[in-house]
Amino acid sequence: MQRRFKIIVQKSGEGYVAYPLGLKGVVVGDGDTFEEALEDVKSAINFHFETFGDEVLEQIAAPEDIYIAEAEVALDA
């Protein structure tokens, strides 16, 4: 079965971190390069699905558009 996921890939200090949208639970991949992180998260998605079954798929429709916003937040310390 093939299913398309929206995947966020973020550059971190030591490489890249990737995580999919539209799954219940925590699924993360990482790697030294963008491509390695993407392959790692694809493997993690497959493992998560094999382990927990259809119930990991969100009941709501997967998001069609993704927006990244930056906002300044006053933190009370």
N, C-alpha and C. Protein backbone atom coordinates (compact mmCIF):
# COMPACT_ATOMS: atom_id res chain seq x y z
N MET A 1 0.85 -1.18 0.00
CA MET A 1 0.00 0.00 0.00
C MET A 1 0.90 1.24 0.00
N GLN A 2 0.58 2.18 -0.82
CA GLN A 2 1.30 3.45 -0.87
C GLN A 2 0.44 4.53 -0.24
N ARG A 3 1.04 5.40 0.51
CA ARG A 3 0.34 6.55 1.09
C ARG A 3 1.31 7.72 1.11
N ARG A 4 0.83 8.88 0.75
CA ARG A 4 1.66 10.08 0.70
C ARG A 4 1.54 10.82 2.03
N PHE A 5 2.68 11.25 2.57
CA PHE A 5 2.73 12.00 3.82
C PHE A 5 3.42 13.34 3.58
N LYS A 6 2.99 14.34 4.31
CA LYS A 6 3.71 15.61 4.38
C LYS A 6 4.76 15.41 5.46
N ILE A 7 6.02 15.71 5.15
CA ILE A 7 7.11 15.50 6.08
C ILE A 7 7.87 16.81 6.27
N ILE A 8 8.04 17.18 7.52
CA ILE A 8 8.83 18.36 7.87
C ILE A 8 10.27 17.90 8.06
N VAL A 9 11.21 18.56 7.39
CA VAL A 9 12.63 18.27 7.56
C VAL A 9 13.28 19.55 8.06
N GLN A 10 13.95 19.44 9.19
CA GLN A 10 14.53 20.60 9.85
C GLN A 10 16.03 20.41 10.01
N LYS A 11 16.79 21.42 9.62
CA LYS A 11 18.23 21.36 9.83
C LYS A 11 18.51 21.68 11.29
N SER A 12 19.30 20.83 11.92
CA SER A 12 19.70 21.06 13.30
C SER A 12 21.21 21.26 13.33
N GLY A 13 21.74 21.52 14.49
CA GLY A 13 23.17 21.76 14.62
C GLY A 13 24.02 20.59 14.17
N GLU A 14 23.51 19.39 14.29
CA GLU A 14 24.31 18.20 13.99
C GLU A 14 23.80 17.40 12.80
N GLY A 15 22.92 17.96 12.02
CA GLY A 15 22.38 17.24 10.87
C GLY A 15 20.97 17.68 10.57
N TYR A 16 20.11 16.70 10.30
CA TYR A 16 18.72 16.98 9.95
C TYR A 16 17.78 16.08 10.74
N VAL A 17 16.60 16.60 11.06
CA VAL A 17 15.56 15.87 11.75
C VAL A 17 14.31 15.94 10.88
N ALA A 18 13.59 14.83 10.75
CA ALA A 18 12.39 14.78 9.91
C ALA A 18 11.24 14.15 10.68
N TYR A 19 10.05 14.68 10.51
CA TYR A 19 8.87 14.08 11.12
C TYR A 19 7.65 14.29 10.22
N PRO A 20 6.78 13.27 10.17
CA PRO A 20 5.61 13.35 9.30
C PRO A 20 4.41 13.97 10.01
N LEU A 21 3.52 14.52 9.22
CA LEU A 21 2.23 15.00 9.73
C LEU A 21 1.18 13.94 9.43
N GLY A 22 0.13 13.88 10.23
CA GLY A 22 -0.98 12.98 9.95
C GLY A 22 -0.85 11.60 10.55
N LEU A 23 0.04 11.43 11.55
CA LEU A 23 0.16 10.15 12.25
C LEU A 23 -0.05 10.38 13.74
N LYS A 24 -0.70 9.44 14.39
CA LYS A 24 -0.80 9.49 15.85
C LYS A 24 0.49 8.93 16.42
N GLY A 25 0.96 9.53 17.49
CA GLY A 25 2.19 9.08 18.11
C GLY A 25 3.37 9.88 17.61
N VAL A 26 4.53 9.50 18.07
CA VAL A 26 5.74 10.22 17.71
C VAL A 26 6.55 9.40 16.73
N VAL A 27 6.82 9.97 15.58
CA VAL A 27 7.63 9.32 14.55
C VAL A 27 8.66 10.35 14.10
N VAL A 28 9.94 10.00 14.24
CA VAL A 28 11.02 10.92 13.92
C VAL A 28 12.13 10.18 13.19
N GLY A 29 12.75 10.85 12.25
CA GLY A 29 13.93 10.32 11.58
C GLY A 29 15.02 11.35 11.64
N ASP A 30 16.27 10.92 11.51
CA ASP A 30 17.36 11.88 11.49
C ASP A 30 18.47 11.39 10.58
N GLY A 31 19.40 12.28 10.28
CA GLY A 31 20.52 11.91 9.43
C GLY A 31 21.48 13.06 9.28
N ASP A 32 22.64 12.76 8.75
CA ASP A 32 23.64 13.79 8.51
C ASP A 32 23.26 14.69 7.34
N THR A 33 22.44 14.19 6.43
CA THR A 33 22.00 14.96 5.27
C THR A 33 20.47 14.97 5.21
N PHE A 34 19.94 15.87 4.40
CA PHE A 34 18.49 15.94 4.16
C PHE A 34 17.97 14.58 3.69
N GLU A 35 18.66 14.00 2.72
CA GLU A 35 18.23 12.73 2.13
C GLU A 35 18.25 11.59 3.16
N GLU A 36 19.29 11.55 4.00
CA GLU A 36 19.37 10.51 5.04
C GLU A 36 18.22 10.64 6.04
N ALA A 37 17.91 11.87 6.44
CA ALA A 37 16.81 12.09 7.37
C ALA A 37 15.48 11.67 6.74
N LEU A 38 15.29 11.98 5.47
CA LEU A 38 14.06 11.61 4.77
C LEU A 38 13.93 10.09 4.67
N GLU A 39 14.99 9.40 4.32
CA GLU A 39 14.95 7.93 4.25
C GLU A 39 14.70 7.33 5.63
N ASP A 40 15.33 7.90 6.66
CA ASP A 40 15.16 7.38 8.01
C ASP A 40 13.72 7.54 8.50
N VAL A 41 13.10 8.68 8.22
CA VAL A 41 11.72 8.88 8.66
C VAL A 41 10.77 8.00 7.86
N LYS A 42 11.06 7.73 6.60
CA LYS A 42 10.21 6.81 5.82
C LYS A 42 10.26 5.41 6.43
N SER A 43 11.44 4.99 6.84
CA SER A 43 11.58 3.70 7.51
C SER A 43 10.83 3.70 8.85
N ALA A 44 10.92 4.81 9.59
CA ALA A 44 10.22 4.92 10.88
C ALA A 44 8.71 4.90 10.69
N ILE A 45 8.20 5.54 9.64
CA ILE A 45 6.76 5.52 9.36
C ILE A 45 6.32 4.08 9.10
N ASN A 46 7.08 3.36 8.28
CA ASN A 46 6.74 1.97 7.97
C ASN A 46 6.74 1.11 9.23
N PHE A 47 7.75 1.26 10.07
CA PHE A 47 7.82 0.50 11.32
C PHE A 47 6.64 0.84 12.23
N HIS A 48 6.32 2.12 12.35
CA HIS A 48 5.20 2.57 13.20
C HIS A 48 3.89 1.96 12.71
N PHE A 49 3.68 1.98 11.39
CA PHE A 49 2.46 1.42 10.82
C PHE A 49 2.40 -0.10 11.02
N GLU A 50 3.52 -0.80 10.80
CA GLU A 50 3.56 -2.25 11.00
C GLU A 50 3.31 -2.62 12.46
N THR A 51 3.80 -1.80 13.38
CA THR A 51 3.66 -2.07 14.81
C THR A 51 2.25 -1.81 15.31
N PHE A 52 1.65 -0.68 14.92
CA PHE A 52 0.38 -0.26 15.50
C PHE A 52 -0.81 -0.35 14.55
N GLY A 53 -0.60 -0.60 13.27
CA GLY A 53 -1.70 -0.78 12.34
C GLY A 53 -2.37 0.51 11.92
N ASP A 54 -3.55 0.36 11.30
CA ASP A 54 -4.30 1.48 10.73
C ASP A 54 -4.64 2.57 11.75
N GLU A 55 -4.70 2.20 13.03
CA GLU A 55 -5.13 3.18 14.04
C GLU A 55 -4.15 4.35 14.18
N VAL A 56 -2.92 4.25 13.66
CA VAL A 56 -1.98 5.37 13.74
C VAL A 56 -2.30 6.47 12.75
N LEU A 57 -3.10 6.16 11.74
CA LEU A 57 -3.47 7.17 10.76
C LEU A 57 -4.52 8.09 11.37
N GLU A 58 -4.29 9.38 11.29
CA GLU A 58 -5.23 10.34 11.83
C GLU A 58 -6.58 10.19 11.14
N GLN A 59 -7.64 10.37 11.90
CA GLN A 59 -8.98 10.26 11.34
C GLN A 59 -9.35 11.49 10.52
N ILE A 60 -8.65 12.59 10.76
CA ILE A 60 -8.91 13.79 9.95
C ILE A 60 -8.08 13.71 8.68
N ALA A 61 -8.49 14.44 7.69
CA ALA A 61 -7.76 14.43 6.42
C ALA A 61 -6.37 15.02 6.62
N ALA A 62 -5.42 14.49 5.91
CA ALA A 62 -4.06 15.03 5.97
C ALA A 62 -4.07 16.46 5.46
N PRO A 63 -3.27 17.31 6.05
CA PRO A 63 -3.27 18.71 5.61
C PRO A 63 -2.80 18.85 4.17
N GLU A 64 -3.48 19.71 3.43
CA GLU A 64 -3.10 19.94 2.04
C GLU A 64 -2.03 21.02 1.93
N ASP A 65 -2.16 22.06 2.73
CA ASP A 65 -1.21 23.15 2.71
C ASP A 65 -0.53 23.25 4.07
N ILE A 66 0.75 23.51 4.05
CA ILE A 66 1.51 23.65 5.27
C ILE A 66 2.09 25.06 5.29
N TYR A 67 1.96 25.74 6.41
CA TYR A 67 2.49 27.07 6.56
C TYR A 67 3.45 27.09 7.75
N ILE A 68 4.58 27.73 7.57
CA ILE A 68 5.53 27.92 8.66
C ILE A 68 5.44 29.39 9.05
N ALA A 69 5.21 29.64 10.32
CA ALA A 69 5.09 31.01 10.80
C ALA A 69 6.12 31.24 11.91
N GLU A 70 6.54 32.46 12.02
CA GLU A 70 7.44 32.85 13.11
C GLU A 70 6.73 33.91 13.91
N ALA A 71 6.70 33.76 15.22
CA ALA A 71 6.01 34.71 16.06
C ALA A 71 6.83 34.99 17.31
N GLU A 72 6.80 36.23 17.76
CA GLU A 72 7.46 36.59 18.99
C GLU A 72 6.47 36.38 20.14
N VAL A 73 6.91 35.69 21.19
CA VAL A 73 6.06 35.35 22.32
C VAL A 73 6.72 35.85 23.60
N ALA A 74 6.00 36.60 24.40
CA ALA A 74 6.51 37.05 25.69
C ALA A 74 6.37 35.91 26.68
N LEU A 75 7.47 35.44 27.22
CA LEU A 75 7.45 34.33 28.17
C LEU A 75 7.54 34.88 29.58
N ASP A 76 6.60 34.48 30.42
CA ASP A 76 6.61 34.88 31.82
C ASP A 76 7.53 33.95 32.59
N ALA A 77 8.53 34.51 33.21
CA ALA A 77 9.47 33.68 33.96
C ALA A 77 9.27 33.80 35.45
